[in-house]
């Protein structure tokens, strides 16, 4: 179990004190996240990472 960070509020403090996001802000954030993820997912996978992913599908010896 980790110790709470002195500068960060706990989960309950954050949800109680934080105002809800307006629909416009949520839409803006969602559009920007989709744009960022689309670029990331369309990028080629590094050969080393691809080799590691291939190893995940193989049974252990």
C-alpha atoms as a PDB file:
ATOM      1  CA  UNK A   1       0.000   0.000   0.000  1.00  0.00           C
ATOM      2  CA  UNK A   2       1.440   3.373  -0.932  1.00  0.00           C
ATOM      3  CA  UNK A   3       1.615   6.405   1.297  1.00  0.00           C
ATOM      4  CA  UNK A   4      -0.438   9.446   0.364  1.00  0.00           C
ATOM      5  CA  UNK A   5       1.585  12.189  -1.296  1.00  0.00           C
ATOM      6  CA  UNK A   6       1.597  15.358   0.857  1.00  0.00           C
ATOM      7  CA  UNK A   7       1.026  17.697  -2.111  1.00  0.00           C
ATOM      8  CA  UNK A   8      -1.720  15.645  -3.804  1.00  0.00           C
ATOM      9  CA  UNK A   9      -5.291  15.434  -2.514  1.00  0.00           C
ATOM     10  CA  UNK A  10      -6.742  12.002  -1.878  1.00  0.00           C
ATOM     11  CA  UNK A  11      -9.285  10.492  -4.307  1.00  0.00           C
ATOM     12  CA  UNK A  12     -12.221  11.480  -2.094  1.00  0.00           C
ATOM     13  CA  UNK A  13     -10.987  15.045  -1.682  1.00  0.00           C
ATOM     14  CA  UNK A  14     -10.529  15.401  -5.459  1.00  0.00           C
ATOM     15  CA  UNK A  15     -14.016  14.201  -6.353  1.00  0.00           C
ATOM     16  CA  UNK A  16     -15.695  16.313  -3.664  1.00  0.00           C
ATOM     17  CA  UNK A  17     -13.865  19.562  -4.454  1.00  0.00           C
ATOM     18  CA  UNK A  18     -13.654  19.287  -8.246  1.00  0.00           C
ATOM     19  CA  UNK A  19     -16.540  20.849 -10.171  1.00  0.00           C
ATOM     20  CA  UNK A  20     -18.006  18.743 -12.975  1.00  0.00           C
ATOM     21  CA  UNK A  21     -16.743  19.475 -16.476  1.00  0.00           C
ATOM     22  CA  UNK A  22     -19.175  21.165 -18.813  1.00  0.00           C
ATOM     23  CA  UNK A  23     -20.311  19.248 -21.910  1.00  0.00           C
ATOM     24  CA  UNK A  24     -18.337  21.640 -24.128  1.00  0.00           C
ATOM     25  CA  UNK A  25     -15.091  21.018 -22.247  1.00  0.00           C
ATOM     26  CA  UNK A  26     -15.683  17.259 -22.222  1.00  0.00           C
ATOM     27  CA  UNK A  27     -16.298  17.322 -25.981  1.00  0.00           C
ATOM     28  CA  UNK A  28     -13.150  19.399 -26.569  1.00  0.00           C
ATOM     29  CA  UNK A  29     -11.027  17.034 -24.453  1.00  0.00           C
ATOM     30  CA  UNK A  30     -12.503  13.975 -26.175  1.00  0.00           C
ATOM     31  CA  UNK A  31     -11.783  15.339 -29.648  1.00  0.00           C
ATOM     32  CA  UNK A  32      -8.201  16.182 -28.737  1.00  0.00           C
ATOM     33  CA  UNK A  33      -7.599  12.781 -27.137  1.00  0.00           C
ATOM     34  CA  UNK A  34      -9.009  11.010 -30.207  1.00  0.00           C
ATOM     35  CA  UNK A  35      -6.686  13.048 -32.441  1.00  0.00           C
ATOM     36  CA  UNK A  36      -3.658  12.177 -30.310  1.00  0.00           C
ATOM     37  CA  UNK A  37      -4.547   8.489 -30.138  1.00  0.00           C
ATOM     38  CA  UNK A  38      -5.229   8.252 -33.872  1.00  0.00           C
ATOM     39  CA  UNK A  39      -1.738   9.569 -34.607  1.00  0.00           C
ATOM     40  CA  UNK A  40      -0.200   7.176 -32.089  1.00  0.00           C
ATOM     41  CA  UNK A  41      -2.057   4.112 -33.353  1.00  0.00           C
ATOM     42  CA  UNK A  42      -1.201   4.829 -36.987  1.00  0.00           C
ATOM     43  CA  UNK A  43       2.544   5.101 -36.243  1.00  0.00           C
ATOM     44  CA  UNK A  44       4.681   2.078 -37.155  1.00  0.00           C
ATOM     45  CA  UNK A  45       5.663  -0.267 -34.330  1.00  0.00           C
ATOM     46  CA  UNK A  46       9.365  -0.452 -33.506  1.00  0.00           C
ATOM     47  CA  UNK A  47      10.917  -3.826 -34.462  1.00  0.00           C
ATOM     48  CA  UNK A  48      12.096  -4.479 -30.911  1.00  0.00           C
ATOM     49  CA  UNK A  49       8.611  -3.845 -29.517  1.00  0.00           C
ATOM     50  CA  UNK A  50       7.086  -6.016 -32.232  1.00  0.00           C
ATOM     51  CA  UNK A  51       9.416  -8.881 -31.253  1.00  0.00           C
ATOM     52  CA  UNK A  52       8.342  -8.542 -27.613  1.00  0.00           C
ATOM     53  CA  UNK A  53       4.670  -8.563 -28.606  1.00  0.00           C
ATOM     54  CA  UNK A  54       5.252 -11.730 -30.666  1.00  0.00           C
ATOM     55  CA  UNK A  55       6.833 -13.396 -27.635  1.00  0.00           C
ATOM     56  CA  UNK A  56       3.688 -12.717 -25.594  1.00  0.00           C
ATOM     57  CA  UNK A  57       1.675 -15.000 -27.877  1.00  0.00           C
ATOM     58  CA  UNK A  58       4.084 -17.927 -27.576  1.00  0.00           C
ATOM     59  CA  UNK A  59       3.847 -20.449 -24.722  1.00  0.00           C
ATOM     60  CA  UNK A  60       6.644 -20.543 -22.136  1.00  0.00           C
ATOM     61  CA  UNK A  61       9.103 -23.417 -22.329  1.00  0.00           C
END
